[in-house]
Structure formats: structure tokens, C-alpha cells
Amino acid sequence: VTTRDHVIRGRLLFSEGEVVDNELLL
């Protein structure tokens, strides 16, 4: 069973509407 969407989103350090930050992406 593939890891569910919300589990991965829970690890994101950025959100929609924010300015892109390469450090946060890495």
C-alpha cells in the first residue's frame, strides 16, 4: 500500500503561497 498523501505532506517545510526557498526544498 503506497504511502498516503497526508503522510508525505506532514514532512513538508514549505506551504502554498510562500516564497520559494531552495534551502527549505533541500
PDB file of all heavy atoms in Angstrom:
ATOM      1  N   VAL A   1       0.863  -1.183   0.000  1.00  0.00           N
ATOM      2  CA  VAL A   1       0.000   0.000   0.000  1.00  0.00           C
ATOM      3  C   VAL A   1       0.900   1.234   0.000  1.00  0.00           C
ATOM      4  O   VAL A   1       1.680   1.439   0.940  1.00  0.00           O
ATOM      5  CB  VAL A   1      -0.934   0.034   1.220  1.00  0.00           C
ATOM      6  CG1 VAL A   1      -1.791   1.290   1.197  1.00  0.00           C
ATOM      7  CG2 VAL A   1      -1.802  -1.214   1.249  1.00  0.00           C
ATOM      8  N   THR A   2       0.803   2.038  -1.041  1.00  0.00           N
ATOM      9  CA  THR A   2       1.663   3.208  -1.177  1.00  0.00           C
ATOM     10  C   THR A   2       1.418   4.211  -0.056  1.00  0.00           C
ATOM     11  O   THR A   2       0.284   4.411   0.380  1.00  0.00           O
ATOM     12  CB  THR A   2       1.417   3.891  -2.538  1.00  0.00           C
ATOM     13  OG1 THR A   2       1.518   2.924  -3.577  1.00  0.00           O
ATOM     14  CG2 THR A   2       2.439   4.988  -2.785  1.00  0.00           C
ATOM     15  N   THR A   3       2.494   4.818   0.416  1.00  0.00           N
ATOM     16  CA  THR A   3       2.405   5.813   1.487  1.00  0.00           C
ATOM     17  C   THR A   3       1.378   6.887   1.126  1.00  0.00           C
ATOM     18  O   THR A   3       1.381   7.426   0.021  1.00  0.00           O
ATOM     19  CB  THR A   3       3.774   6.478   1.713  1.00  0.00           C
ATOM     20  OG1 THR A   3       4.730   5.459   2.028  1.00  0.00           O
ATOM     21  CG2 THR A   3       3.707   7.475   2.861  1.00  0.00           C
ATOM     22  N   ARG A   4       0.516   7.187   2.056  1.00  0.00           N
ATOM     23  CA  ARG A   4      -0.587   8.106   1.785  1.00  0.00           C
ATOM     24  C   ARG A   4      -0.116   9.549   1.682  1.00  0.00           C
ATOM     25  O   ARG A   4       0.896   9.952   2.278  1.00  0.00           O
ATOM     26  CB  ARG A   4      -1.662   7.954   2.855  1.00  0.00           C
ATOM     27  CG  ARG A   4      -2.258   6.551   2.849  1.00  0.00           C
ATOM     28  CD  ARG A   4      -3.337   6.364   3.872  1.00  0.00           C
ATOM     29  NE  ARG A   4      -3.777   4.969   3.889  1.00  0.00           N
ATOM     30  CZ  ARG A   4      -4.714   4.463   3.100  1.00  0.00           C
ATOM     31  NH1 ARG A   4      -5.336   5.231   2.232  1.00  0.00           N
ATOM     32  NH2 ARG A   4      -5.052   3.175   3.187  1.00  0.00           N
ATOM     33  N   ASP A   5      -0.874  10.320   0.917  1.00  0.00           N
ATOM     34  CA  ASP A   5      -0.538  11.703   0.589  1.00  0.00           C
ATOM     35  C   ASP A   5      -0.268  12.542   1.844  1.00  0.00           C
ATOM     36  O   ASP A   5       0.733  13.264   1.934  1.00  0.00           O
ATOM     37  CB  ASP A   5      -1.677  12.318  -0.226  1.00  0.00           C
ATOM     38  CG  ASP A   5      -1.350  13.703  -0.744  1.00  0.00           C
ATOM     39  OD1 ASP A   5      -1.434  14.670   0.041  1.00  0.00           O
ATOM     40  OD2 ASP A   5      -1.024  13.833  -1.938  1.00  0.00           O
ATOM     41  N   HIS A   6      -1.140  12.445   2.833  1.00  0.00           N
ATOM     42  CA  HIS A   6      -1.014  13.311   4.008  1.00  0.00           C
ATOM     43  C   HIS A   6       0.229  13.005   4.837  1.00  0.00           C
ATOM     44  O   HIS A   6       0.736  13.870   5.558  1.00  0.00           O
ATOM     45  CB  HIS A   6      -2.271  13.216   4.879  1.00  0.00           C
ATOM     46  CG  HIS A   6      -2.377  11.945   5.664  1.00  0.00           C
ATOM     47  ND1 HIS A   6      -2.981  10.812   5.168  1.00  0.00           N
ATOM     48  CD2 HIS A   6      -1.939  11.632   6.915  1.00  0.00           C
ATOM     49  CE1 HIS A   6      -2.929   9.852   6.084  1.00  0.00           C
ATOM     50  NE2 HIS A   6      -2.294  10.328   7.153  1.00  0.00           N
ATOM     51  N   VAL A   7       0.725  11.762   4.753  1.00  0.00           N
ATOM     52  CA  VAL A   7       1.935  11.402   5.488  1.00  0.00           C
ATOM     53  C   VAL A   7       3.134  12.160   4.927  1.00  0.00           C
ATOM     54  O   VAL A   7       3.960  12.703   5.676  1.00  0.00           O
ATOM     55  CB  VAL A   7       2.180   9.882   5.431  1.00  0.00           C
ATOM     56  CG1 VAL A   7       3.501   9.519   6.114  1.00  0.00           C
ATOM     57  CG2 VAL A   7       1.023   9.134   6.073  1.00  0.00           C
ATOM     58  N   ILE A   8       3.218  12.226   3.598  1.00  0.00           N
ATOM     59  CA  ILE A   8       4.316  12.958   2.958  1.00  0.00           C
ATOM     60  C   ILE A   8       4.156  14.465   3.186  1.00  0.00           C
ATOM     61  O   ILE A   8       5.128  15.169   3.497  1.00  0.00           O
ATOM     62  CB  ILE A   8       4.361  12.655   1.448  1.00  0.00           C
ATOM     63  CG1 ILE A   8       4.550  11.144   1.204  1.00  0.00           C
ATOM     64  CG2 ILE A   8       5.484  13.437   0.781  1.00  0.00           C
ATOM     65  CD1 ILE A   8       5.807  10.569   1.806  1.00  0.00           C
ATOM     66  N   ARG A   9       2.931  14.960   3.064  1.00  0.00           N
ATOM     67  CA  ARG A   9       2.704  16.401   3.278  1.00  0.00           C
ATOM     68  C   ARG A   9       3.071  16.824   4.705  1.00  0.00           C
ATOM     69  O   ARG A   9       3.450  17.968   4.933  1.00  0.00           O
ATOM     70  CB  ARG A   9       1.244  16.751   2.982  1.00  0.00           C
ATOM     71  CG  ARG A   9       0.897  16.722   1.512  1.00  0.00           C
ATOM     72  CD  ARG A   9      -0.510  17.207   1.234  1.00  0.00           C
ATOM     73  NE  ARG A   9      -0.827  17.095  -0.182  1.00  0.00           N
ATOM     74  CZ  ARG A   9      -0.545  18.017  -1.100  1.00  0.00           C
ATOM     75  NH1 ARG A   9       0.032  19.141  -0.707  1.00  0.00           N
ATOM     76  NH2 ARG A   9      -0.852  17.836  -2.360  1.00  0.00           N
ATOM     77  N   GLY A  10       2.967  15.900   5.631  1.00  0.00           N
ATOM     78  CA  GLY A  10       3.313  16.218   7.004  1.00  0.00           C
ATOM     79  C   GLY A  10       4.794  16.495   7.205  1.00  0.00           C
ATOM     80  O   GLY A  10       5.183  17.028   8.250  1.00  0.00           O
ATOM     81  N   ARG A  11       5.626  16.164   6.220  1.00  0.00           N
ATOM     82  CA  ARG A  11       7.072  16.395   6.311  1.00  0.00           C
ATOM     83  C   ARG A  11       7.520  17.625   5.538  1.00  0.00           C
ATOM     84  O   ARG A  11       8.706  17.973   5.562  1.00  0.00           O
ATOM     85  CB  ARG A  11       7.824  15.175   5.793  1.00  0.00           C
ATOM     86  CG  ARG A  11       7.492  13.887   6.505  1.00  0.00           C
ATOM     87  CD  ARG A  11       7.936  13.936   7.948  1.00  0.00           C
ATOM     88  NE  ARG A  11       9.367  13.714   8.069  1.00  0.00           N
ATOM     89  CZ  ARG A  11      10.082  13.926   9.159  1.00  0.00           C
ATOM     90  NH1 ARG A  11       9.481  14.407  10.229  1.00  0.00           N
ATOM     91  NH2 ARG A  11      11.368  13.674   9.196  1.00  0.00           N
ATOM     92  N   LEU A  12       6.592  18.283   4.841  1.00  0.00           N
ATOM     93  CA  LEU A  12       6.957  19.460   4.050  1.00  0.00           C
ATOM     94  C   LEU A  12       7.297  20.634   4.957  1.00  0.00           C
ATOM     95  O   LEU A  12       6.618  20.889   5.949  1.00  0.00           O
ATOM     96  CB  LEU A  12       5.821  19.847   3.103  1.00  0.00           C
ATOM     97  CG  LEU A  12       5.344  18.782   2.104  1.00  0.00           C
ATOM     98  CD1 LEU A  12       4.281  19.374   1.178  1.00  0.00           C
ATOM     99  CD2 LEU A  12       6.513  18.217   1.303  1.00  0.00           C
ATOM    100  N   LEU A  13       8.337  21.374   4.593  1.00  0.00           N
ATOM    101  CA  LEU A  13       8.774  22.551   5.349  1.00  0.00           C
ATOM    102  C   LEU A  13       8.371  23.841   4.646  1.00  0.00           C
ATOM    103  O   LEU A  13       8.874  24.910   4.987  1.00  0.00           O
ATOM    104  CB  LEU A  13      10.292  22.505   5.544  1.00  0.00           C
ATOM    105  CG  LEU A  13      10.829  21.258   6.253  1.00  0.00           C
ATOM    106  CD1 LEU A  13      12.345  21.307   6.344  1.00  0.00           C
ATOM    107  CD2 LEU A  13      10.203  21.110   7.630  1.00  0.00           C
ATOM    108  N   PHE A  14       7.476  23.742   3.696  1.00  0.00           N
ATOM    109  CA  PHE A  14       7.003  24.914   2.968  1.00  0.00           C
ATOM    110  C   PHE A  14       5.524  24.720   2.653  1.00  0.00           C
ATOM    111  O   PHE A  14       4.999  23.609   2.753  1.00  0.00           O
ATOM    112  CB  PHE A  14       7.799  25.122   1.674  1.00  0.00           C
ATOM    113  CG  PHE A  14       7.895  23.876   0.825  1.00  0.00           C
ATOM    114  CD1 PHE A  14       6.894  23.540  -0.062  1.00  0.00           C
ATOM    115  CD2 PHE A  14       9.004  23.033   0.922  1.00  0.00           C
ATOM    116  CE1 PHE A  14       6.969  22.399  -0.839  1.00  0.00           C
ATOM    117  CE2 PHE A  14       9.095  21.875   0.153  1.00  0.00           C
ATOM    118  CZ  PHE A  14       8.078  21.565  -0.723  1.00  0.00           C
ATOM    119  N   SER A  15       4.860  25.812   2.274  1.00  0.00           N
ATOM    120  CA  SER A  15       3.422  25.758   2.006  1.00  0.00           C
ATOM    121  C   SER A  15       3.093  26.559   0.751  1.00  0.00           C
ATOM    122  O   SER A  15       3.903  27.375   0.292  1.00  0.00           O
ATOM    123  CB  SER A  15       2.626  26.331   3.194  1.00  0.00           C
ATOM    124  OG  SER A  15       2.925  25.656   4.389  1.00  0.00           O
ATOM    125  N   GLU A  16       1.918  26.301   0.212  1.00  0.00           N
ATOM    126  CA  GLU A  16       1.445  27.058  -0.942  1.00  0.00           C
ATOM    127  C   GLU A  16       1.281  28.528  -0.553  1.00  0.00           C
ATOM    128  O   GLU A  16       0.811  28.851   0.538  1.00  0.00           O
ATOM    129  CB  GLU A  16       0.121  26.483  -1.437  1.00  0.00           C
ATOM    130  CG  GLU A  16       0.251  25.068  -1.990  1.00  0.00           C
ATOM    131  CD  GLU A  16      -1.082  24.470  -2.406  1.00  0.00           C
ATOM    132  OE1 GLU A  16      -2.116  25.115  -2.138  1.00  0.00           O
ATOM    133  OE2 GLU A  16      -1.095  23.365  -2.984  1.00  0.00           O
ATOM    134  N   GLY A  17       1.692  29.426  -1.458  1.00  0.00           N
ATOM    135  CA  GLY A  17       1.594  30.859  -1.192  1.00  0.00           C
ATOM    136  C   GLY A  17       2.861  31.465  -0.614  1.00  0.00           C
ATOM    137  O   GLY A  17       2.981  32.682  -0.541  1.00  0.00           O
ATOM    138  N   GLU A  18       3.813  30.616  -0.206  1.00  0.00           N
ATOM    139  CA  GLU A  18       5.073  31.125   0.341  1.00  0.00           C
ATOM    140  C   GLU A  18       6.088  31.373  -0.769  1.00  0.00           C
ATOM    141  O   GLU A  18       5.967  30.858  -1.884  1.00  0.00           O
ATOM    142  CB  GLU A  18       5.651  30.137   1.349  1.00  0.00           C
ATOM    143  CG  GLU A  18       4.812  29.957   2.591  1.00  0.00           C
ATOM    144  CD  GLU A  18       5.428  28.999   3.580  1.00  0.00           C
ATOM    145  OE1 GLU A  18       6.409  28.295   3.208  1.00  0.00           O
ATOM    146  OE2 GLU A  18       4.940  28.937   4.720  1.00  0.00           O
ATOM    147  N   VAL A  19       7.104  32.159  -0.449  1.00  0.00           N
ATOM    148  CA  VAL A  19       8.200  32.415  -1.383  1.00  0.00           C
ATOM    149  C   VAL A  19       9.089  31.172  -1.431  1.00  0.00           C
ATOM    150  O   VAL A  19       9.364  30.539  -0.406  1.00  0.00           O
ATOM    151  CB  VAL A  19       9.018  33.644  -0.943  1.00  0.00           C
ATOM    152  CG1 VAL A  19      10.235  33.836  -1.848  1.00  0.00           C
ATOM    153  CG2 VAL A  19       8.145  34.894  -0.955  1.00  0.00           C
ATOM    154  N   VAL A  20       9.542  30.804  -2.626  1.00  0.00           N
ATOM    155  CA  VAL A  20      10.393  29.629  -2.793  1.00  0.00           C
ATOM    156  C   VAL A  20      11.721  29.836  -2.066  1.00  0.00           C
ATOM    157  O   VAL A  20      12.359  30.880  -2.198  1.00  0.00           O
ATOM    158  CB  VAL A  20      10.664  29.346  -4.290  1.00  0.00           C
ATOM    159  CG1 VAL A  20      11.641  28.192  -4.444  1.00  0.00           C
ATOM    160  CG2 VAL A  20       9.366  29.049  -5.017  1.00  0.00           C
ATOM    161  N   ASP A  21      12.120  28.850  -1.303  1.00  0.00           N
ATOM    162  CA  ASP A  21      13.395  28.887  -0.596  1.00  0.00           C
ATOM    163  C   ASP A  21      14.111  27.568  -0.868  1.00  0.00           C
ATOM    164  O   ASP A  21      13.669  26.507  -0.426  1.00  0.00           O
ATOM    165  CB  ASP A  21      13.169  29.075   0.905  1.00  0.00           C
ATOM    166  CG  ASP A  21      14.462  29.339   1.655  1.00  0.00           C
ATOM    167  OD1 ASP A  21      15.446  28.621   1.403  1.00  0.00           O
ATOM    168  OD2 ASP A  21      14.492  30.270   2.486  1.00  0.00           O
ATOM    169  N   ASN A  22      15.207  27.622  -1.619  1.00  0.00           N
ATOM    170  CA  ASN A  22      15.914  26.409  -2.002  1.00  0.00           C
ATOM    171  C   ASN A  22      16.416  25.617  -0.803  1.00  0.00           C
ATOM    172  O   ASN A  22      16.472  24.381  -0.840  1.00  0.00           O
ATOM    173  CB  ASN A  22      17.085  26.748  -2.934  1.00  0.00           C
ATOM    174  CG  ASN A  22      16.612  27.200  -4.304  1.00  0.00           C
ATOM    175  OD1 ASN A  22      15.558  26.761  -4.777  1.00  0.00           O
ATOM    176  ND2 ASN A  22      17.361  28.072  -4.944  1.00  0.00           N
ATOM    177  N   GLU A  23      16.805  26.315   0.255  1.00  0.00           N
ATOM    178  CA  GLU A  23      17.280  25.621   1.455  1.00  0.00           C
ATOM    179  C   GLU A  23      16.169  24.764   2.058  1.00  0.00           C
ATOM    180  O   GLU A  23      16.408  23.643   2.503  1.00  0.00           O
ATOM    181  CB  GLU A  23      17.783  26.636   2.486  1.00  0.00           C
ATOM    182  CG  GLU A  23      19.041  27.370   2.077  1.00  0.00           C
ATOM    183  CD  GLU A  23      20.252  26.451   1.983  1.00  0.00           C
ATOM    184  OE1 GLU A  23      20.237  25.399   2.648  1.00  0.00           O
ATOM    185  OE2 GLU A  23      21.190  26.777   1.244  1.00  0.00           O
ATOM    186  N   LEU A  24      14.962  25.294   2.059  1.00  0.00           N
ATOM    187  CA  LEU A  24      13.837  24.536   2.602  1.00  0.00           C
ATOM    188  C   LEU A  24      13.463  23.366   1.709  1.00  0.00           C
ATOM    189  O   LEU A  24      13.039  22.316   2.197  1.00  0.00           O
ATOM    190  CB  LEU A  24      12.626  25.451   2.803  1.00  0.00           C
ATOM    191  CG  LEU A  24      12.754  26.519   3.899  1.00  0.00           C
ATOM    192  CD1 LEU A  24      11.457  27.306   4.032  1.00  0.00           C
ATOM    193  CD2 LEU A  24      13.108  25.875   5.232  1.00  0.00           C
ATOM    194  N   LEU A  25      13.630  23.521   0.408  1.00  0.00           N
ATOM    195  CA  LEU A  25      13.356  22.414  -0.516  1.00  0.00           C
ATOM    196  C   LEU A  25      14.325  21.268  -0.252  1.00  0.00           C
ATOM    197  O   LEU A  25      13.926  20.100  -0.177  1.00  0.00           O
ATOM    198  CB  LEU A  25      13.476  22.885  -1.967  1.00  0.00           C
ATOM    199  CG  LEU A  25      12.509  23.977  -2.437  1.00  0.00           C
ATOM    200  CD1 LEU A  25      12.708  24.248  -3.923  1.00  0.00           C
ATOM    201  CD2 LEU A  25      11.060  23.593  -2.165  1.00  0.00           C
ATOM    202  N   LEU A  26      15.605  21.589  -0.112  1.00  0.00           N
ATOM    203  CA  LEU A  26      16.613  20.558   0.154  1.00  0.00           C
ATOM    204  C   LEU A  26      16.387  19.918   1.521  1.00  0.00           C
ATOM    205  O   LEU A  26      16.519  18.701   1.679  1.00  0.00           O
ATOM    206  CB  LEU A  26      18.012  21.171   0.076  1.00  0.00           C
ATOM    207  CG  LEU A  26      18.458  21.648  -1.311  1.00  0.00           C
ATOM    208  CD1 LEU A  26      19.797  22.375  -1.218  1.00  0.00           C
ATOM    209  CD2 LEU A  26      18.556  20.479  -2.280  1.00  0.00           C
TER     210      LEU A  26
END
